[in-house]
Each structure stands twice: as C-alpha cells, then as structure tokens.
Amino acid sequence: MALDLPPSHMMLKTEDAFTGRMFDSINGMLLDMLAAIARKDYDDRRRRQAQGIAKAKAEGKMKGRPEDAERNEAIMDLLRKRQSWSTIVKATNCSRSTLARLAKRLEPIGRK
C-alpha cells in the first residue's frame, strides 16, 4: 500500500466492500502505471546516454580514461616476480579485473 496515493487513504476509511475492492483496483492500476512510466524513463535515459557516448567517440571527444602506465608497469613487475594476486591487490589497490587484463599481456611473453 502506498500511503501517499489518495485511494490508499480513502481505502483505510471505507467499510463498504464494493468501494474497498474498487479502491484496490484503482490503487493497483496506478502503481502499474507509475512502474511503466518509470521503466520507460529509465530506458529513454539509457538510450540517450548511449547515443551521446557514440557521438562523442565519433567526434574524438571521448577516448576513455587514460592508462596509468607507471602503476601498470609496477603491477606487471609484481606479476613477473610471481607475487600472489591478493598481495598485488592489497599493495596497489587495483581491481582483480585490471590484474587479469595485465596478466594476459604477460602471457605472450611467457610463451616464447
């Protein structure tokens, strides 16, 4: 029950079964409608954001965050020294996904 919807307040005051069922139906319809509007708004914002990002990338204005080459080289040195991933994460405060990406860069070197 949504306390800020008028039918909810009225429903609390009524003792008539028909009116109570009617307010239940109206309340359900309003909540469904509000949920549909919220979902449409969410989808529209996501679509517009994706369009803006695509346009900015096409114009060369958005290239993503630049790589921290110094930090990544330090991480790769730790990987070469066979440090555990948990130790590296604690020491460098990097994510495991970053660690995995950098570890893949080292794989071709190790295979030669």
PDB file of N, CA and C in Angstrom:
ATOM      1  N   MET A   1       0.853  -1.167   0.000  1.00  0.00           N
ATOM      2  CA  MET A   1       0.000   0.000   0.000  1.00  0.00           C
ATOM      3  C   MET A   1       0.901   1.233   0.000  1.00  0.00           C
ATOM      4  N   ALA A   2       0.620   2.173  -0.869  1.00  0.00           N
ATOM      5  CA  ALA A   2       1.363   3.426  -0.930  1.00  0.00           C
ATOM      6  C   ALA A   2       0.581   4.477  -0.162  1.00  0.00           C
ATOM      7  N   LEU A   3       1.143   4.970   0.901  1.00  0.00           N
ATOM      8  CA  LEU A   3       0.415   5.902   1.760  1.00  0.00           C
ATOM      9  C   LEU A   3       0.215   7.270   1.132  1.00  0.00           C
ATOM     10  N   ASP A   4       1.030   7.612   0.129  1.00  0.00           N
ATOM     11  CA  ASP A   4       0.868   8.930  -0.478  1.00  0.00           C
ATOM     12  C   ASP A   4      -0.104   8.937  -1.661  1.00  0.00           C
ATOM     13  N   LEU A   5      -0.712   7.803  -1.987  1.00  0.00           N
ATOM     14  CA  LEU A   5      -1.723   7.766  -3.041  1.00  0.00           C
ATOM     15  C   LEU A   5      -3.095   7.987  -2.409  1.00  0.00           C
ATOM     16  N   PRO A   6      -3.880   8.941  -2.929  1.00  0.00           N
ATOM     17  CA  PRO A   6      -5.200   9.228  -2.336  1.00  0.00           C
ATOM     18  C   PRO A   6      -6.102   8.009  -2.189  1.00  0.00           C
ATOM     19  N   PRO A   7      -6.185   7.108  -3.175  1.00  0.00           N
ATOM     20  CA  PRO A   7      -7.056   5.947  -2.979  1.00  0.00           C
ATOM     21  C   PRO A   7      -6.654   5.115  -1.769  1.00  0.00           C
ATOM     22  N   SER A   8      -5.378   5.079  -1.430  1.00  0.00           N
ATOM     23  CA  SER A   8      -4.931   4.319  -0.268  1.00  0.00           C
ATOM     24  C   SER A   8      -5.495   4.914   1.010  1.00  0.00           C
ATOM     25  N   HIS A   9      -5.477   6.256   1.103  1.00  0.00           N
ATOM     26  CA  HIS A   9      -6.016   6.912   2.287  1.00  0.00           C
ATOM     27  C   HIS A   9      -7.524   6.677   2.395  1.00  0.00           C
ATOM     28  N   MET A  10      -8.210   6.790   1.272  1.00  0.00           N
ATOM     29  CA  MET A  10      -9.659   6.604   1.287  1.00  0.00           C
ATOM     30  C   MET A  10     -10.016   5.165   1.631  1.00  0.00           C
ATOM     31  N   MET A  11      -9.204   4.241   1.172  1.00  0.00           N
ATOM     32  CA  MET A  11      -9.476   2.833   1.398  1.00  0.00           C
ATOM     33  C   MET A  11      -9.432   2.508   2.896  1.00  0.00           C
ATOM     34  N   LEU A  12      -8.578   3.207   3.631  1.00  0.00           N
ATOM     35  CA  LEU A  12      -8.487   2.967   5.066  1.00  0.00           C
ATOM     36  C   LEU A  12      -9.764   3.382   5.793  1.00  0.00           C
ATOM     37  N   LYS A  13     -10.495   4.359   5.231  1.00  0.00           N
ATOM     38  CA  LYS A  13     -11.669   4.918   5.904  1.00  0.00           C
ATOM     39  C   LYS A  13     -12.967   4.195   5.539  1.00  0.00           C
ATOM     40  N   THR A  14     -12.986   3.435   4.470  1.00  0.00           N
ATOM     41  CA  THR A  14     -14.229   2.832   3.989  1.00  0.00           C
ATOM     42  C   THR A  14     -14.496   1.488   4.647  1.00  0.00           C
ATOM     43  N   GLU A  15     -15.775   1.210   4.853  1.00  0.00           N
ATOM     44  CA  GLU A  15     -16.177  -0.093   5.369  1.00  0.00           C
ATOM     45  C   GLU A  15     -17.036  -0.837   4.349  1.00  0.00           C
ATOM     46  N   ASP A  16     -17.302  -0.197   3.225  1.00  0.00           N
ATOM     47  CA  ASP A  16     -18.099  -0.783   2.153  1.00  0.00           C
ATOM     48  C   ASP A  16     -17.195  -1.725   1.344  1.00  0.00           C
ATOM     49  N   ALA A  17     -17.602  -2.994   1.184  1.00  0.00           N
ATOM     50  CA  ALA A  17     -16.785  -3.986   0.493  1.00  0.00           C
ATOM     51  C   ALA A  17     -16.572  -3.622  -0.969  1.00  0.00           C
ATOM     52  N   PHE A  18     -17.630  -3.152  -1.633  1.00  0.00           N
ATOM     53  CA  PHE A  18     -17.521  -2.783  -3.043  1.00  0.00           C
ATOM     54  C   PHE A  18     -16.518  -1.646  -3.222  1.00  0.00           C
ATOM     55  N   THR A  19     -16.657  -0.608  -2.404  1.00  0.00           N
ATOM     56  CA  THR A  19     -15.761   0.548  -2.511  1.00  0.00           C
ATOM     57  C   THR A  19     -14.324   0.131  -2.205  1.00  0.00           C
ATOM     58  N   GLY A  20     -14.132  -0.729  -1.246  1.00  0.00           N
ATOM     59  CA  GLY A  20     -12.789  -1.214  -0.908  1.00  0.00           C
ATOM     60  C   GLY A  20     -12.149  -1.948  -2.068  1.00  0.00           C
ATOM     61  N   ARG A  21     -12.945  -2.830  -2.743  1.00  0.00           N
ATOM     62  CA  ARG A  21     -12.421  -3.546  -3.907  1.00  0.00           C
ATOM     63  C   ARG A  21     -12.126  -2.585  -5.047  1.00  0.00           C
ATOM     64  N   MET A  22     -12.978  -1.580  -5.217  1.00  0.00           N
ATOM     65  CA  MET A  22     -12.770  -0.584  -6.271  1.00  0.00           C
ATOM     66  C   MET A  22     -11.463   0.177  -6.020  1.00  0.00           C
ATOM     67  N   PHE A  23     -11.245   0.596  -4.779  1.00  0.00           N
ATOM     68  CA  PHE A  23     -10.013   1.315  -4.456  1.00  0.00           C
ATOM     69  C   PHE A  23      -8.784   0.420  -4.596  1.00  0.00           C
ATOM     70  N   ASP A  24      -8.939  -0.868  -4.278  1.00  0.00           N
ATOM     71  CA  ASP A  24      -7.844  -1.821  -4.506  1.00  0.00           C
ATOM     72  C   ASP A  24      -7.474  -1.863  -5.982  1.00  0.00           C
ATOM     73  N   SER A  25      -8.473  -1.927  -6.857  1.00  0.00           N
ATOM     74  CA  SER A  25      -8.242  -1.970  -8.302  1.00  0.00           C
ATOM     75  C   SER A  25      -7.578  -0.688  -8.799  1.00  0.00           C
ATOM     76  N   ILE A  26      -8.090   0.452  -8.344  1.00  0.00           N
ATOM     77  CA  ILE A  26      -7.529   1.745  -8.768  1.00  0.00           C
ATOM     78  C   ILE A  26      -6.087   1.876  -8.277  1.00  0.00           C
ATOM     79  N   ASN A  27      -5.854   1.498  -7.035  1.00  0.00           N
ATOM     80  CA  ASN A  27      -4.515   1.575  -6.472  1.00  0.00           C
ATOM     81  C   ASN A  27      -3.545   0.696  -7.266  1.00  0.00           C
ATOM     82  N   GLY A  28      -3.953  -0.519  -7.587  1.00  0.00           N
ATOM     83  CA  GLY A  28      -3.120  -1.414  -8.386  1.00  0.00           C
ATOM     84  C   GLY A  28      -2.835  -0.853  -9.758  1.00  0.00           C
ATOM     85  N   MET A  29      -3.871  -0.274 -10.387  1.00  0.00           N
ATOM     86  CA  MET A  29      -3.694   0.309 -11.708  1.00  0.00           C
ATOM     87  C   MET A  29      -2.701   1.481 -11.653  1.00  0.00           C
ATOM     88  N   LEU A  30      -2.842   2.342 -10.632  1.00  0.00           N
ATOM     89  CA  LEU A  30      -1.932   3.479 -10.506  1.00  0.00           C
ATOM     90  C   LEU A  30      -0.489   3.034 -10.306  1.00  0.00           C
ATOM     91  N   LEU A  31      -0.295   2.029  -9.468  1.00  0.00           N
ATOM     92  CA  LEU A  31       1.059   1.540  -9.240  1.00  0.00           C
ATOM     93  C   LEU A  31       1.652   0.917 -10.505  1.00  0.00           C
ATOM     94  N   ASP A  32       0.847   0.160 -11.253  1.00  0.00           N
ATOM     95  CA  ASP A  32       1.314  -0.411 -12.517  1.00  0.00           C
ATOM     96  C   ASP A  32       1.674   0.687 -13.510  1.00  0.00           C
ATOM     97  N   MET A  33       0.841   1.727 -13.570  1.00  0.00           N
ATOM     98  CA  MET A  33       1.094   2.824 -14.492  1.00  0.00           C
ATOM     99  C   MET A  33       2.376   3.573 -14.107  1.00  0.00           C
ATOM    100  N   LEU A  34       2.556   3.829 -12.811  1.00  0.00           N
ATOM    101  CA  LEU A  34       3.765   4.521 -12.359  1.00  0.00           C
ATOM    102  C   LEU A  34       5.015   3.674 -12.628  1.00  0.00           C
ATOM    103  N   ALA A  35       4.908   2.372 -12.460  1.00  0.00           N
ATOM    104  CA  ALA A  35       6.044   1.494 -12.738  1.00  0.00           C
ATOM    105  C   ALA A  35       6.386   1.497 -14.228  1.00  0.00           C
ATOM    106  N   ALA A  36       5.366   1.492 -15.085  1.00  0.00           N
ATOM    107  CA  ALA A  36       5.595   1.524 -16.533  1.00  0.00           C
ATOM    108  C   ALA A  36       6.240   2.841 -16.951  1.00  0.00           C
ATOM    109  N   ILE A  37       5.784   3.950 -16.383  1.00  0.00           N
ATOM    110  CA  ILE A  37       6.362   5.253 -16.705  1.00  0.00           C
ATOM    111  C   ILE A  37       7.820   5.326 -16.245  1.00  0.00           C
ATOM    112  N   ALA A  38       8.093   4.809 -15.050  1.00  0.00           N
ATOM    113  CA  ALA A  38       9.457   4.816 -14.535  1.00  0.00           C
ATOM    114  C   ALA A  38      10.373   3.973 -15.418  1.00  0.00           C
ATOM    115  N   ARG A  39       9.895   2.832 -15.879  1.00  0.00           N
ATOM    116  CA  ARG A  39      10.711   1.969 -16.747  1.00  0.00           C
ATOM    117  C   ARG A  39      10.984   2.641 -18.084  1.00  0.00           C
ATOM    118  N   LYS A  40       9.968   3.295 -18.661  1.00  0.00           N
ATOM    119  CA  LYS A  40      10.145   3.990 -19.932  1.00  0.00           C
ATOM    120  C   LYS A  40      11.160   5.118 -19.776  1.00  0.00           C
ATOM    121  N   ASP A  41      11.075   5.856 -18.679  1.00  0.00           N
ATOM    122  CA  ASP A  41      12.026   6.940 -18.421  1.00  0.00           C
ATOM    123  C   ASP A  41      13.446   6.384 -18.306  1.00  0.00           C
ATOM    124  N   TYR A  42      13.602   5.285 -17.602  1.00  0.00           N
ATOM    125  CA  TYR A  42      14.911   4.640 -17.444  1.00  0.00           C
ATOM    126  C   TYR A  42      15.472   4.214 -18.805  1.00  0.00           C
ATOM    127  N   ASP A  43      14.642   3.557 -19.620  1.00  0.00           N
ATOM    128  CA  ASP A  43      15.083   3.108 -20.948  1.00  0.00           C
ATOM    129  C   ASP A  43      15.450   4.291 -21.838  1.00  0.00           C
ATOM    130  N   ASP A  44      14.652   5.371 -21.791  1.00  0.00           N
ATOM    131  CA  ASP A  44      14.940   6.563 -22.599  1.00  0.00           C
ATOM    132  C   ASP A  44      16.271   7.193 -22.200  1.00  0.00           C
ATOM    133  N   ARG A  45      16.520   7.292 -20.890  1.00  0.00           N
ATOM    134  CA  ARG A  45      17.783   7.882 -20.429  1.00  0.00           C
ATOM    135  C   ARG A  45      18.969   7.034 -20.862  1.00  0.00           C
ATOM    136  N   ARG A  46      18.852   5.717 -20.758  1.00  0.00           N
ATOM    137  CA  ARG A  46      19.944   4.824 -21.185  1.00  0.00           C
ATOM    138  C   ARG A  46      20.204   4.965 -22.686  1.00  0.00           C
ATOM    139  N   ARG A  47      19.123   5.039 -23.476  1.00  0.00           N
ATOM    140  CA  ARG A  47      19.270   5.176 -24.925  1.00  0.00           C
ATOM    141  C   ARG A  47      19.952   6.496 -25.280  1.00  0.00           C
ATOM    142  N   ARG A  48      19.480   7.601 -24.659  1.00  0.00           N
ATOM    143  CA  ARG A  48      20.081   8.909 -24.949  1.00  0.00           C
ATOM    144  C   ARG A  48      21.541   8.972 -24.509  1.00  0.00           C
ATOM    145  N   GLN A  49      21.866   8.350 -23.396  1.00  0.00           N
ATOM    146  CA  GLN A  49      23.244   8.319 -22.927  1.00  0.00           C
ATOM    147  C   GLN A  49      24.128   7.558 -23.913  1.00  0.00           C
ATOM    148  N   ALA A  50      23.644   6.425 -24.396  1.00  0.00           N
ATOM    149  CA  ALA A  50      24.408   5.632 -25.371  1.00  0.00           C
ATOM    150  C   ALA A  50      24.607   6.418 -26.662  1.00  0.00           C
ATOM    151  N   GLN A  51      23.585   7.149 -27.100  1.00  0.00           N
ATOM    152  CA  GLN A  51      23.719   7.968 -28.301  1.00  0.00           C
ATOM    153  C   GLN A  51      24.763   9.067 -28.105  1.00  0.00           C
ATOM    154  N   GLY A  52      24.740   9.712 -26.935  1.00  0.00           N
ATOM    155  CA  GLY A  52      25.704  10.766 -26.640  1.00  0.00           C
ATOM    156  C   GLY A  52      27.130  10.246 -26.596  1.00  0.00           C
ATOM    157  N   ILE A  53      27.312   9.082 -26.004  1.00  0.00           N
ATOM    158  CA  ILE A  53      28.644   8.477 -25.935  1.00  0.00           C
ATOM    159  C   ILE A  53      29.134   8.119 -27.327  1.00  0.00           C
ATOM    160  N   ALA A  54      28.261   7.531 -28.154  1.00  0.00           N
ATOM    161  CA  ALA A  54      28.636   7.167 -29.520  1.00  0.00           C
ATOM    162  C   ALA A  54      29.018   8.406 -30.324  1.00  0.00           C
ATOM    163  N   LYS A  55      28.247   9.486 -30.169  1.00  0.00           N
ATOM    164  CA  LYS A  55      28.542  10.730 -30.890  1.00  0.00           C
ATOM    165  C   LYS A  55      29.875  11.321 -30.429  1.00  0.00           C
ATOM    166  N   ALA A  56      30.116  11.331 -29.113  1.00  0.00           N
ATOM    167  CA  ALA A  56      31.366  11.876 -28.590  1.00  0.00           C
ATOM    168  C   ALA A  56      32.567  11.059 -29.055  1.00  0.00           C
ATOM    169  N   LYS A  57      32.418   9.729 -29.100  1.00  0.00           N
ATOM    170  CA  LYS A  57      33.510   8.876 -29.571  1.00  0.00           C
ATOM    171  C   LYS A  57      33.781   9.117 -31.052  1.00  0.00           C
ATOM    172  N   ALA A  58      32.704   9.285 -31.837  1.00  0.00           N
ATOM    173  CA  ALA A  58      32.864   9.540 -33.283  1.00  0.00           C
ATOM    174  C   ALA A  58      33.574  10.867 -33.530  1.00  0.00           C
ATOM    175  N   GLU A  59      33.333  11.844 -32.671  1.00  0.00           N
ATOM    176  CA  GLU A  59      33.970  13.161 -32.816  1.00  0.00           C
ATOM    177  C   GLU A  59      35.345  13.209 -32.156  1.00  0.00           C
ATOM    178  N   GLY A  60      35.764  12.105 -31.528  1.00  0.00           N
ATOM    179  CA  GLY A  60      37.069  12.053 -30.889  1.00  0.00           C
ATOM    180  C   GLY A  60      37.132  12.778 -29.558  1.00  0.00           C
ATOM    181  N   LYS A  61      35.994  13.105 -28.984  1.00  0.00           N
ATOM    182  CA  LYS A  61      35.969  13.839 -27.716  1.00  0.00           C
ATOM    183  C   LYS A  61      36.034  12.912 -26.513  1.00  0.00           C
ATOM    184  N   MET A  62      35.703  11.661 -26.710  1.00  0.00           N
ATOM    185  CA  MET A  62      35.670  10.718 -25.589  1.00  0.00           C
ATOM    186  C   MET A  62      36.552   9.532 -25.932  1.00  0.00           C
ATOM    187  N   LYS A  63      37.637   9.421 -25.234  1.00  0.00           N
ATOM    188  CA  LYS A  63      38.582   8.348 -25.512  1.00  0.00           C
ATOM    189  C   LYS A  63      38.705   7.375 -24.344  1.00  0.00           C
ATOM    190  N   GLY A  64      37.974   7.645 -23.289  1.00  0.00           N
ATOM    191  CA  GLY A  64      38.075   6.801 -22.110  1.00  0.00           C
ATOM    192  C   GLY A  64      39.169   7.319 -21.188  1.00  0.00           C
ATOM    193  N   ARG A  65      39.278   6.694 -20.043  1.00  0.00           N
ATOM    194  CA  ARG A  65      40.280   7.107 -19.069  1.00  0.00           C
ATOM    195  C   ARG A  65      41.651   6.649 -19.549  1.00  0.00           C
ATOM    196  N   PRO A  66      42.644   7.532 -19.489  1.00  0.00           N
ATOM    197  CA  PRO A  66      43.980   7.119 -19.936  1.00  0.00           C
ATOM    198  C   PRO A  66      44.576   6.081 -18.985  1.00  0.00           C
ATOM    199  N   GLU A  67      45.381   5.219 -19.535  1.00  0.00           N
ATOM    200  CA  GLU A  67      46.003   4.154 -18.753  1.00  0.00           C
ATOM    201  C   GLU A  67      47.079   4.741 -17.851  1.00  0.00           C
ATOM    202  N   ASP A  68      47.135   4.251 -16.633  1.00  0.00           N
ATOM    203  CA  ASP A  68      48.188   4.640 -15.694  1.00  0.00           C
ATOM    204  C   ASP A  68      49.371   3.705 -15.938  1.00  0.00           C
ATOM    205  N   ALA A  69      50.221   4.104 -16.891  1.00  0.00           N
ATOM    206  CA  ALA A  69      51.302   3.232 -17.349  1.00  0.00           C
ATOM    207  C   ALA A  69      52.287   2.906 -16.231  1.00  0.00           C
ATOM    208  N   GLU A  70      52.576   3.881 -15.378  1.00  0.00           N
ATOM    209  CA  GLU A  70      53.541   3.656 -14.290  1.00  0.00           C
ATOM    210  C   GLU A  70      53.015   2.604 -13.302  1.00  0.00           C
ATOM    211  N   ARG A  71      51.740   2.746 -12.915  1.00  0.00           N
ATOM    212  CA  ARG A  71      51.145   1.777 -11.992  1.00  0.00           C
ATOM    213  C   ARG A  71      51.073   0.392 -12.635  1.00  0.00           C
ATOM    214  N   ASN A  72      50.655   0.361 -13.913  1.00  0.00           N
ATOM    215  CA  ASN A  72      50.511  -0.927 -14.592  1.00  0.00           C
ATOM    216  C   ASN A  72      51.858  -1.627 -14.752  1.00  0.00           C
ATOM    217  N   GLU A  73      52.904  -0.866 -14.987  1.00  0.00           N
ATOM    218  CA  GLU A  73      54.230  -1.476 -15.099  1.00  0.00           C
ATOM    219  C   GLU A  73      54.662  -2.054 -13.748  1.00  0.00           C
ATOM    220  N   ALA A  74      54.353  -1.339 -12.667  1.00  0.00           N
ATOM    221  CA  ALA A  74      54.673  -1.854 -11.329  1.00  0.00           C
ATOM    222  C   ALA A  74      53.903  -3.146 -11.045  1.00  0.00           C
ATOM    223  N   ILE A  75      52.655  -3.181 -11.459  1.00  0.00           N
ATOM    224  CA  ILE A  75      51.840  -4.394 -11.277  1.00  0.00           C
ATOM    225  C   ILE A  75      52.420  -5.542 -12.093  1.00  0.00           C
ATOM    226  N   MET A  76      52.817  -5.257 -13.326  1.00  0.00           N
ATOM    227  CA  MET A  76      53.376  -6.303 -14.179  1.00  0.00           C
ATOM    228  C   MET A  76      54.706  -6.809 -13.610  1.00  0.00           C
ATOM    229  N   ASP A  77      55.495  -5.922 -12.993  1.00  0.00           N
ATOM    230  CA  ASP A  77      56.733  -6.369 -12.334  1.00  0.00           C
ATOM    231  C   ASP A  77      56.415  -7.346 -11.204  1.00  0.00           C
ATOM    232  N   LEU A  78      55.384  -7.017 -10.417  1.00  0.00           N
ATOM    233  CA  LEU A  78      54.984  -7.925  -9.333  1.00  0.00           C
ATOM    234  C   LEU A  78      54.498  -9.263  -9.890  1.00  0.00           C
ATOM    235  N   LEU A  79      53.801  -9.226 -11.023  1.00  0.00           N
ATOM    236  CA  LEU A  79      53.347 -10.470 -11.652  1.00  0.00           C
ATOM    237  C   LEU A  79      54.542 -11.289 -12.136  1.00  0.00           C
ATOM    238  N   ARG A  80      55.533 -10.617 -12.704  1.00  0.00           N
ATOM    239  CA  ARG A  80      56.735 -11.318 -13.169  1.00  0.00           C
ATOM    240  C   ARG A  80      57.476 -11.978 -12.004  1.00  0.00           C
ATOM    241  N   LYS A  81      57.404 -11.347 -10.828  1.00  0.00           N
ATOM    242  CA  LYS A  81      58.065 -11.889  -9.631  1.00  0.00           C
ATOM    243  C   LYS A  81      57.220 -12.967  -8.948  1.00  0.00           C
ATOM    244  N   ARG A  82      56.097 -13.308  -9.578  1.00  0.00           N
ATOM    245  CA  ARG A  82      55.208 -14.374  -9.103  1.00  0.00           C
ATOM    246  C   ARG A  82      54.583 -14.059  -7.733  1.00  0.00           C
ATOM    247  N   GLN A  83      54.283 -12.796  -7.482  1.00  0.00           N
ATOM    248  CA  GLN A  83      53.562 -12.413  -6.266  1.00  0.00           C
ATOM    249  C   GLN A  83      52.117 -12.886  -6.404  1.00  0.00           C
ATOM    250  N   SER A  84      51.479 -13.170  -5.284  1.00  0.00           N
ATOM    251  CA  SER A  84      50.082 -13.617  -5.342  1.00  0.00           C
ATOM    252  C   SER A  84      49.189 -12.442  -5.720  1.00  0.00           C
ATOM    253  N   TRP A  85      48.055 -12.752  -6.329  1.00  0.00           N
ATOM    254  CA  TRP A  85      47.132 -11.697  -6.754  1.00  0.00           C
ATOM    255  C   TRP A  85      46.618 -10.917  -5.555  1.00  0.00           C
ATOM    256  N   SER A  86      46.338 -11.592  -4.461  1.00  0.00           N
ATOM    257  CA  SER A  86      45.841 -10.898  -3.267  1.00  0.00           C
ATOM    258  C   SER A  86      46.864  -9.902  -2.745  1.00  0.00           C
ATOM    259  N   THR A  87      48.137 -10.282  -2.761  1.00  0.00           N
ATOM    260  CA  THR A  87      49.201  -9.377  -2.330  1.00  0.00           C
ATOM    261  C   THR A  87      49.281  -8.165  -3.244  1.00  0.00           C
ATOM    262  N   ILE A  88      49.178  -8.400  -4.548  1.00  0.00           N
ATOM    263  CA  ILE A  88      49.255  -7.303  -5.519  1.00  0.00           C
ATOM    264  C   ILE A  88      48.069  -6.357  -5.354  1.00  0.00           C
ATOM    265  N   VAL A  89      46.878  -6.908  -5.173  1.00  0.00           N
ATOM    266  CA  VAL A  89      45.678  -6.077  -4.994  1.00  0.00           C
ATOM    267  C   VAL A  89      45.830  -5.202  -3.760  1.00  0.00           C
ATOM    268  N   LYS A  90      46.313  -5.782  -2.661  1.00  0.00           N
ATOM    269  CA  LYS A  90      46.493  -5.003  -1.434  1.00  0.00           C
ATOM    270  C   LYS A  90      47.566  -3.932  -1.603  1.00  0.00           C
ATOM    271  N   ALA A  91      48.649  -4.249  -2.296  1.00  0.00           N
ATOM    272  CA  ALA A  91      49.767  -3.319  -2.438  1.00  0.00           C
ATOM    273  C   ALA A  91      49.457  -2.173  -3.402  1.00  0.00           C
ATOM    274  N   THR A  92      48.689  -2.456  -4.454  1.00  0.00           N
ATOM    275  CA  THR A  92      48.472  -1.439  -5.496  1.00  0.00           C
ATOM    276  C   THR A  92      47.062  -0.869  -5.504  1.00  0.00           C
ATOM    277  N   ASN A  93      46.168  -1.490  -4.753  1.00  0.00           N
ATOM    278  CA  ASN A  93      44.765  -1.046  -4.717  1.00  0.00           C
ATOM    279  C   ASN A  93      44.114  -1.085  -6.103  1.00  0.00           C
ATOM    280  N   CYS A  94      44.471  -2.091  -6.884  1.00  0.00           N
ATOM    281  CA  CYS A  94      43.854  -2.262  -8.201  1.00  0.00           C
ATOM    282  C   CYS A  94      42.799  -3.353  -8.108  1.00  0.00           C
ATOM    283  N   SER A  95      41.950  -3.418  -9.110  1.00  0.00           N
ATOM    284  CA  SER A  95      40.908  -4.449  -9.123  1.00  0.00           C
ATOM    285  C   SER A  95      41.468  -5.744  -9.704  1.00  0.00           C
ATOM    286  N   ARG A  96      40.768  -6.826  -9.432  1.00  0.00           N
ATOM    287  CA  ARG A  96      41.195  -8.107  -9.982  1.00  0.00           C
ATOM    288  C   ARG A  96      41.029  -8.137 -11.503  1.00  0.00           C
ATOM    289  N   SER A  97      40.043  -7.401 -12.019  1.00  0.00           N
ATOM    290  CA  SER A  97      39.873  -7.371 -13.475  1.00  0.00           C
ATOM    291  C   SER A  97      41.066  -6.668 -14.135  1.00  0.00           C
ATOM    292  N   THR A  98      41.574  -5.605 -13.518  1.00  0.00           N
ATOM    293  CA  THR A  98      42.772  -4.938 -14.042  1.00  0.00           C
ATOM    294  C   THR A  98      43.948  -5.892 -13.990  1.00  0.00           C
ATOM    295  N   LEU A  99      44.054  -6.612 -12.889  1.00  0.00           N
ATOM    296  CA  LEU A  99      45.139  -7.582 -12.726  1.00  0.00           C
ATOM    297  C   LEU A  99      45.057  -8.667 -13.801  1.00  0.00           C
ATOM    298  N   ALA A 100      43.873  -9.155 -14.076  1.00  0.00           N
ATOM    299  CA  ALA A 100      43.691 -10.195 -15.100  1.00  0.00           C
ATOM    300  C   ALA A 100      44.063  -9.656 -16.486  1.00  0.00           C
ATOM    301  N   ARG A 101      43.672  -8.414 -16.768  1.00  0.00           N
ATOM    302  CA  ARG A 101      43.996  -7.813 -18.066  1.00  0.00           C
ATOM    303  C   ARG A 101      45.507  -7.680 -18.238  1.00  0.00           C
ATOM    304  N   LEU A 102      46.192  -7.242 -17.186  1.00  0.00           N
ATOM    305  CA  LEU A 102      47.644  -7.095 -17.264  1.00  0.00           C
ATOM    306  C   LEU A 102      48.343  -8.454 -17.320  1.00  0.00           C
ATOM    307  N   ALA A 103      47.788  -9.450 -16.637  1.00  0.00           N
ATOM    308  CA  ALA A 103      48.368 -10.796 -16.684  1.00  0.00           C
ATOM    309  C   ALA A 103      48.289 -11.366 -18.096  1.00  0.00           C
ATOM    310  N   LYS A 104      47.215 -11.039 -18.818  1.00  0.00           N
ATOM    311  CA  LYS A 104      47.087 -11.516 -20.208  1.00  0.00           C
ATOM    312  C   LYS A 104      48.149 -10.897 -21.105  1.00  0.00           C
ATOM    313  N   ARG A 105      48.550  -9.659 -20.782  1.00  0.00           N
ATOM    314  CA  ARG A 105      49.619  -9.028 -21.569  1.00  0.00           C
ATOM    315  C   ARG A 105      50.936  -9.784 -21.400  1.00  0.00           C
ATOM    316  N   LEU A 106      51.135 -10.378 -20.248  1.00  0.00           N
ATOM    317  CA  LEU A 106      52.375 -11.101 -19.983  1.00  0.00           C
ATOM    318  C   LEU A 106      52.383 -12.494 -20.591  1.00  0.00           C
ATOM    319  N   GLU A 107      51.230 -13.075 -20.846  1.00  0.00           N
ATOM    320  CA  GLU A 107      51.168 -14.442 -21.369  1.00  0.00           C
ATOM    321  C   GLU A 107      51.937 -14.623 -22.664  1.00  0.00           C
ATOM    322  N   PRO A 108      51.804 -13.737 -23.669  1.00  0.00           N
ATOM    323  CA  PRO A 108      52.567 -13.950 -24.901  1.00  0.00           C
ATOM    324  C   PRO A 108      54.080 -13.911 -24.659  1.00  0.00           C
ATOM    325  N   ILE A 109      54.529 -13.124 -23.695  1.00  0.00           N
ATOM    326  CA  ILE A 109      55.948 -13.044 -23.390  1.00  0.00           C
ATOM    327  C   ILE A 109      56.427 -14.370 -22.804  1.00  0.00           C
ATOM    328  N   GLY A 110      55.624 -14.955 -21.934  1.00  0.00           N
ATOM    329  CA  GLY A 110      55.992 -16.215 -21.271  1.00  0.00           C
ATOM    330  C   GLY A 110      55.982 -17.411 -22.189  1.00  0.00           C
ATOM    331  N   ARG A 111      55.245 -17.343 -23.297  1.00  0.00           N
ATOM    332  CA  ARG A 111      55.115 -18.497 -24.214  1.00  0.00           C
ATOM    333  C   ARG A 111      56.273 -18.608 -25.185  1.00  0.00           C
ATOM    334  N   LYS A 112      57.050 -17.571 -25.355  1.00  0.00           N
ATOM    335  CA  LYS A 112      58.143 -17.597 -26.346  1.00  0.00           C
ATOM    336  C   LYS A 112      59.289 -18.461 -25.903  1.00  0.00           C
TER     337      LYS A 112
END
